[in-house]
Amino acid sequence: MLEKLIVFLQDELEIPADQVSLALRHTQAIPAQVPMELWKYGLINIAQLEKIFDWLEYS
């Protein structure tokens, strides 16, 4: 699940690998926490946050 989330973030939302890595370090790689960390640090906007939550729900 985590690997698929990373691919989604980088390929679909074009979030740079270093930003994804930052979120992963702060969440201990728990997929459900990654979107909030990205948003908390201002690395994604609210529309992207919603897309990630939708993806998590339906994946």
PDB file of N, CA and C in Angstrom:
ATOM      1  N   MET A   1       0.814  -1.198   0.000  1.00  0.00           N
ATOM      2  CA  MET A   1       0.000   0.000   0.000  1.00  0.00           C
ATOM      3  C   MET A   1       0.859   1.265   0.000  1.00  0.00           C
ATOM      4  N   LEU A   2       1.887   1.290   0.810  1.00  0.00           N
ATOM      5  CA  LEU A   2       2.746   2.467   0.906  1.00  0.00           C
ATOM      6  C   LEU A   2       3.435   2.747  -0.428  1.00  0.00           C
ATOM      7  N   GLU A   3       3.918   1.687  -1.077  1.00  0.00           N
ATOM      8  CA  GLU A   3       4.607   1.866  -2.357  1.00  0.00           C
ATOM      9  C   GLU A   3       3.657   2.452  -3.398  1.00  0.00           C
ATOM     10  N   LYS A   4       2.412   1.977  -3.422  1.00  0.00           N
ATOM     11  CA  LYS A   4       1.424   2.489  -4.377  1.00  0.00           C
ATOM     12  C   LYS A   4       1.091   3.946  -4.083  1.00  0.00           C
ATOM     13  N   LEU A   5       1.014   4.296  -2.807  1.00  0.00           N
ATOM     14  CA  LEU A   5       0.756   5.682  -2.430  1.00  0.00           C
ATOM     15  C   LEU A   5       1.889   6.582  -2.915  1.00  0.00           C
ATOM     16  N   ILE A   6       3.105   6.159  -2.737  1.00  0.00           N
ATOM     17  CA  ILE A   6       4.258   6.951  -3.168  1.00  0.00           C
ATOM     18  C   ILE A   6       4.217   7.169  -4.676  1.00  0.00           C
ATOM     19  N   VAL A   7       3.916   6.119  -5.416  1.00  0.00           N
ATOM     20  CA  VAL A   7       3.813   6.241  -6.880  1.00  0.00           C
ATOM     21  C   VAL A   7       2.709   7.224  -7.245  1.00  0.00           C
ATOM     22  N   PHE A   8       1.556   7.125  -6.592  1.00  0.00           N
ATOM     23  CA  PHE A   8       0.454   8.041  -6.848  1.00  0.00           C
ATOM     24  C   PHE A   8       0.873   9.488  -6.576  1.00  0.00           C
ATOM     25  N   LEU A   9       1.496   9.724  -5.448  1.00  0.00           N
ATOM     26  CA  LEU A   9       1.907  11.078  -5.085  1.00  0.00           C
ATOM     27  C   LEU A   9       2.877  11.661  -6.103  1.00  0.00           C
ATOM     28  N   GLN A  10       3.833  10.855  -6.523  1.00  0.00           N
ATOM     29  CA  GLN A  10       4.860  11.353  -7.432  1.00  0.00           C
ATOM     30  C   GLN A  10       4.384  11.409  -8.881  1.00  0.00           C
ATOM     31  N   ASP A  11       3.637  10.404  -9.327  1.00  0.00           N
ATOM     32  CA  ASP A  11       3.235  10.353 -10.732  1.00  0.00           C
ATOM     33  C   ASP A  11       1.972  11.158 -11.016  1.00  0.00           C
ATOM     34  N   GLU A  12       0.961  11.003 -10.204  1.00  0.00           N
ATOM     35  CA  GLU A  12      -0.316  11.658 -10.470  1.00  0.00           C
ATOM     36  C   GLU A  12      -0.351  13.112  -9.976  1.00  0.00           C
ATOM     37  N   LEU A  13       0.195  13.351  -8.796  1.00  0.00           N
ATOM     38  CA  LEU A  13       0.152  14.703  -8.223  1.00  0.00           C
ATOM     39  C   LEU A  13       1.457  15.472  -8.412  1.00  0.00           C
ATOM     40  N   GLU A  14       2.459  14.794  -8.962  1.00  0.00           N
ATOM     41  CA  GLU A  14       3.763  15.407  -9.244  1.00  0.00           C
ATOM     42  C   GLU A  14       4.415  16.039  -8.018  1.00  0.00           C
ATOM     43  N   ILE A  15       4.317  15.350  -6.899  1.00  0.00           N
ATOM     44  CA  ILE A  15       4.971  15.800  -5.669  1.00  0.00           C
ATOM     45  C   ILE A  15       6.398  15.267  -5.700  1.00  0.00           C
ATOM     46  N   PRO A  16       7.384  16.134  -5.566  1.00  0.00           N
ATOM     47  CA  PRO A  16       8.784  15.705  -5.635  1.00  0.00           C
ATOM     48  C   PRO A  16       9.130  14.649  -4.566  1.00  0.00           C
ATOM     49  N   ALA A  17      10.056  13.786  -4.931  1.00  0.00           N
ATOM     50  CA  ALA A  17      10.467  12.688  -4.057  1.00  0.00           C
ATOM     51  C   ALA A  17      10.964  13.183  -2.705  1.00  0.00           C
ATOM     52  N   ASP A  18      11.674  14.301  -2.675  1.00  0.00           N
ATOM     53  CA  ASP A  18      12.195  14.791  -1.397  1.00  0.00           C
ATOM     54  C   ASP A  18      11.064  15.234  -0.466  1.00  0.00           C
ATOM     55  N   GLN A  19       9.981  15.763  -1.024  1.00  0.00           N
ATOM     56  CA  GLN A  19       8.852  16.157  -0.197  1.00  0.00           C
ATOM     57  C   GLN A  19       8.096  14.939   0.329  1.00  0.00           C
ATOM     58  N   VAL A  20       7.970  13.922  -0.504  1.00  0.00           N
ATOM     59  CA  VAL A  20       7.346  12.667  -0.062  1.00  0.00           C
ATOM     60  C   VAL A  20       8.186  12.051   1.046  1.00  0.00           C
ATOM     61  N   SER A  21       9.494  12.063   0.875  1.00  0.00           N
ATOM     62  CA  SER A  21      10.390  11.507   1.896  1.00  0.00           C
ATOM     63  C   SER A  21      10.258  12.241   3.223  1.00  0.00           C
ATOM     64  N   LEU A  22      10.126  13.552   3.167  1.00  0.00           N
ATOM     65  CA  LEU A  22       9.942  14.341   4.385  1.00  0.00           C
ATOM     66  C   LEU A  22       8.685  13.893   5.124  1.00  0.00           C
ATOM     67  N   ALA A  23       7.594  13.749   4.411  1.00  0.00           N
ATOM     68  CA  ALA A  23       6.338  13.314   5.033  1.00  0.00           C
ATOM     69  C   ALA A  23       6.473  11.909   5.605  1.00  0.00           C
ATOM     70  N   LEU A  24       7.142  11.033   4.894  1.00  0.00           N
ATOM     71  CA  LEU A  24       7.305   9.656   5.366  1.00  0.00           C
ATOM     72  C   LEU A  24       8.127   9.603   6.655  1.00  0.00           C
ATOM     73  N   ARG A  25       9.144  10.424   6.748  1.00  0.00           N
ATOM     74  CA  ARG A  25       9.971  10.459   7.965  1.00  0.00           C
ATOM     75  C   ARG A  25       9.152  10.894   9.171  1.00  0.00           C
ATOM     76  N   HIS A  26       8.240  11.818   8.979  1.00  0.00           N
ATOM     77  CA  HIS A  26       7.453  12.361  10.085  1.00  0.00           C
ATOM     78  C   HIS A  26       6.243  11.514  10.451  1.00  0.00           C
ATOM     79  N   THR A  27       5.924  10.534   9.626  1.00  0.00           N
ATOM     80  CA  THR A  27       4.752   9.691   9.892  1.00  0.00           C
ATOM     81  C   THR A  27       5.128   8.265  10.215  1.00  0.00           C
ATOM     82  N   GLN A  28       6.392   7.972  10.208  1.00  0.00           N
ATOM     83  CA  GLN A  28       6.867   6.603  10.402  1.00  0.00           C
ATOM     84  C   GLN A  28       6.259   5.689   9.345  1.00  0.00           C
ATOM     85  N   ALA A  29       6.069   6.239   8.144  1.00  0.00           N
ATOM     86  CA  ALA A  29       5.595   5.516   6.963  1.00  0.00           C
ATOM     87  C   ALA A  29       4.209   4.911   7.131  1.00  0.00           C
ATOM     88  N   ILE A  30       3.343   5.561   7.877  1.00  0.00           N
ATOM     89  CA  ILE A  30       1.953   5.122   8.003  1.00  0.00           C
ATOM     90  C   ILE A  30       1.169   5.839   6.903  1.00  0.00           C
ATOM     91  N   PRO A  31       0.676   5.095   5.894  1.00  0.00           N
ATOM     92  CA  PRO A  31       0.060   5.731   4.730  1.00  0.00           C
ATOM     93  C   PRO A  31      -1.039   6.745   5.051  1.00  0.00           C
ATOM     94  N   ALA A  32      -1.887   6.477   5.977  1.00  0.00           N
ATOM     95  CA  ALA A  32      -3.005   7.377   6.273  1.00  0.00           C
ATOM     96  C   ALA A  32      -2.546   8.718   6.846  1.00  0.00           C
ATOM     97  N   GLN A  33      -1.349   8.781   7.388  1.00  0.00           N
ATOM     98  CA  GLN A  33      -0.852  10.025   7.971  1.00  0.00           C
ATOM     99  C   GLN A  33      -0.064  10.878   6.981  1.00  0.00           C
ATOM    100  N   VAL A  34       0.375  10.279   5.902  1.00  0.00           N
ATOM    101  CA  VAL A  34       1.210  10.991   4.932  1.00  0.00           C
ATOM    102  C   VAL A  34       0.516  12.227   4.356  1.00  0.00           C
ATOM    103  N   PRO A  35      -0.758  12.137   3.922  1.00  0.00           N
ATOM    104  CA  PRO A  35      -1.387  13.337   3.355  1.00  0.00           C
ATOM    105  C   PRO A  35      -1.434  14.523   4.318  1.00  0.00           C
ATOM    106  N   MET A  36      -1.716  14.267   5.574  1.00  0.00           N
ATOM    107  CA  MET A  36      -1.795  15.361   6.540  1.00  0.00           C
ATOM    108  C   MET A  36      -0.427  15.998   6.775  1.00  0.00           C
ATOM    109  N   GLU A  37       0.605  15.205   6.756  1.00  0.00           N
ATOM    110  CA  GLU A  37       1.954  15.767   6.916  1.00  0.00           C
ATOM    111  C   GLU A  37       2.310  16.637   5.722  1.00  0.00           C
ATOM    112  N   LEU A  38       1.988  16.184   4.525  1.00  0.00           N
ATOM    113  CA  LEU A  38       2.260  16.991   3.338  1.00  0.00           C
ATOM    114  C   LEU A  38       1.514  18.320   3.418  1.00  0.00           C
ATOM    115  N   TRP A  39       0.266  18.260   3.857  1.00  0.00           N
ATOM    116  CA  TRP A  39      -0.551  19.476   3.954  1.00  0.00           C
ATOM    117  C   TRP A  39      -0.053  20.378   5.082  1.00  0.00           C
ATOM    118  N   LYS A  40       0.308  19.775   6.205  1.00  0.00           N
ATOM    119  CA  LYS A  40       0.784  20.540   7.361  1.00  0.00           C
ATOM    120  C   LYS A  40       2.014  21.382   7.010  1.00  0.00           C
ATOM    121  N   TYR A  41       2.876  20.827   6.184  1.00  0.00           N
ATOM    122  CA  TYR A  41       4.096  21.544   5.798  1.00  0.00           C
ATOM    123  C   TYR A  41       3.899  22.422   4.559  1.00  0.00           C
ATOM    124  N   GLY A  42       2.666  22.498   4.075  1.00  0.00           N
ATOM    125  CA  GLY A  42       2.385  23.349   2.925  1.00  0.00           C
ATOM    126  C   GLY A  42       2.890  22.807   1.609  1.00  0.00           C
ATOM    127  N   LEU A  43       3.083  21.498   1.531  1.00  0.00           N
ATOM    128  CA  LEU A  43       3.629  20.885   0.327  1.00  0.00           C
ATOM    129  C   LEU A  43       2.551  20.504  -0.683  1.00  0.00           C
ATOM    130  N   ILE A  44       1.298  20.486  -0.243  1.00  0.00           N
ATOM    131  CA  ILE A  44       0.165  20.232  -1.128  1.00  0.00           C
ATOM    132  C   ILE A  44      -0.964  21.203  -0.769  1.00  0.00           C
ATOM    133  N   ASN A  45      -1.875  21.391  -1.701  1.00  0.00           N
ATOM    134  CA  ASN A  45      -3.024  22.251  -1.422  1.00  0.00           C
ATOM    135  C   ASN A  45      -4.228  21.390  -1.022  1.00  0.00           C
ATOM    136  N   ILE A  46      -5.322  22.031  -0.701  1.00  0.00           N
ATOM    137  CA  ILE A  46      -6.499  21.316  -0.196  1.00  0.00           C
ATOM    138  C   ILE A  46      -7.085  20.398  -1.275  1.00  0.00           C
ATOM    139  N   ALA A  47      -7.043  20.814  -2.529  1.00  0.00           N
ATOM    140  CA  ALA A  47      -7.559  19.963  -3.615  1.00  0.00           C
ATOM    141  C   ALA A  47      -6.731  18.685  -3.735  1.00  0.00           C
ATOM    142  N   GLN A  48      -5.415  18.815  -3.618  1.00  0.00           N
ATOM    143  CA  GLN A  48      -4.553  17.638  -3.672  1.00  0.00           C
ATOM    144  C   GLN A  48      -4.808  16.739  -2.466  1.00  0.00           C
ATOM    145  N   LEU A  49      -5.010  17.345  -1.300  1.00  0.00           N
ATOM    146  CA  LEU A  49      -5.299  16.578  -0.090  1.00  0.00           C
ATOM    147  C   LEU A  49      -6.557  15.735  -0.285  1.00  0.00           C
ATOM    148  N   GLU A  50      -7.594  16.341  -0.852  1.00  0.00           N
ATOM    149  CA  GLU A  50      -8.833  15.612  -1.107  1.00  0.00           C
ATOM    150  C   GLU A  50      -8.623  14.467  -2.091  1.00  0.00           C
ATOM    151  N   LYS A  51      -7.813  14.694  -3.135  1.00  0.00           N
ATOM    152  CA  LYS A  51      -7.520  13.635  -4.107  1.00  0.00           C
ATOM    153  C   LYS A  51      -6.808  12.465  -3.436  1.00  0.00           C
ATOM    154  N   ILE A  52      -5.891  12.770  -2.535  1.00  0.00           N
ATOM    155  CA  ILE A  52      -5.158  11.707  -1.843  1.00  0.00           C
ATOM    156  C   ILE A  52      -6.102  10.914  -0.951  1.00  0.00           C
ATOM    157  N   PHE A  53      -6.968  11.609  -0.212  1.00  0.00           N
ATOM    158  CA  PHE A  53      -7.920  10.898   0.634  1.00  0.00           C
ATOM    159  C   PHE A  53      -8.868  10.038  -0.187  1.00  0.00           C
ATOM    160  N   ASP A  54      -9.316  10.553  -1.334  1.00  0.00           N
ATOM    161  CA  ASP A  54     -10.159   9.747  -2.223  1.00  0.00           C
ATOM    162  C   ASP A  54      -9.400   8.517  -2.698  1.00  0.00           C
ATOM    163  N   TRP A  55      -8.155   8.704  -3.084  1.00  0.00           N
ATOM    164  CA  TRP A  55      -7.338   7.583  -3.559  1.00  0.00           C
ATOM    165  C   TRP A  55      -7.181   6.551  -2.435  1.00  0.00           C
ATOM    166  N   LEU A  56      -6.888   6.994  -1.233  1.00  0.00           N
ATOM    167  CA  LEU A  56      -6.723   6.072  -0.110  1.00  0.00           C
ATOM    168  C   LEU A  56      -8.025   5.296   0.170  1.00  0.00           C
ATOM    169  N   GLU A  57      -9.136   5.976   0.051  1.00  0.00           N
ATOM    170  CA  GLU A  57     -10.423   5.338   0.328  1.00  0.00           C
ATOM    171  C   GLU A  57     -10.757   4.255  -0.685  1.00  0.00           C
ATOM    172  N   TYR A  58     -10.435   4.490  -1.937  1.00  0.00           N
ATOM    173  CA  TYR A  58     -10.843   3.566  -2.992  1.00  0.00           C
ATOM    174  C   TYR A  58      -9.743   2.631  -3.461  1.00  0.00           C
ATOM    175  N   SER A  59      -8.601   2.695  -2.867  1.00  0.00           N
ATOM    176  CA  SER A  59      -7.501   1.791  -3.276  1.00  0.00           C
ATOM    177  C   SER A  59      -7.457   0.545  -2.439  1.00  0.00           C
TER     178      SER A  59
END
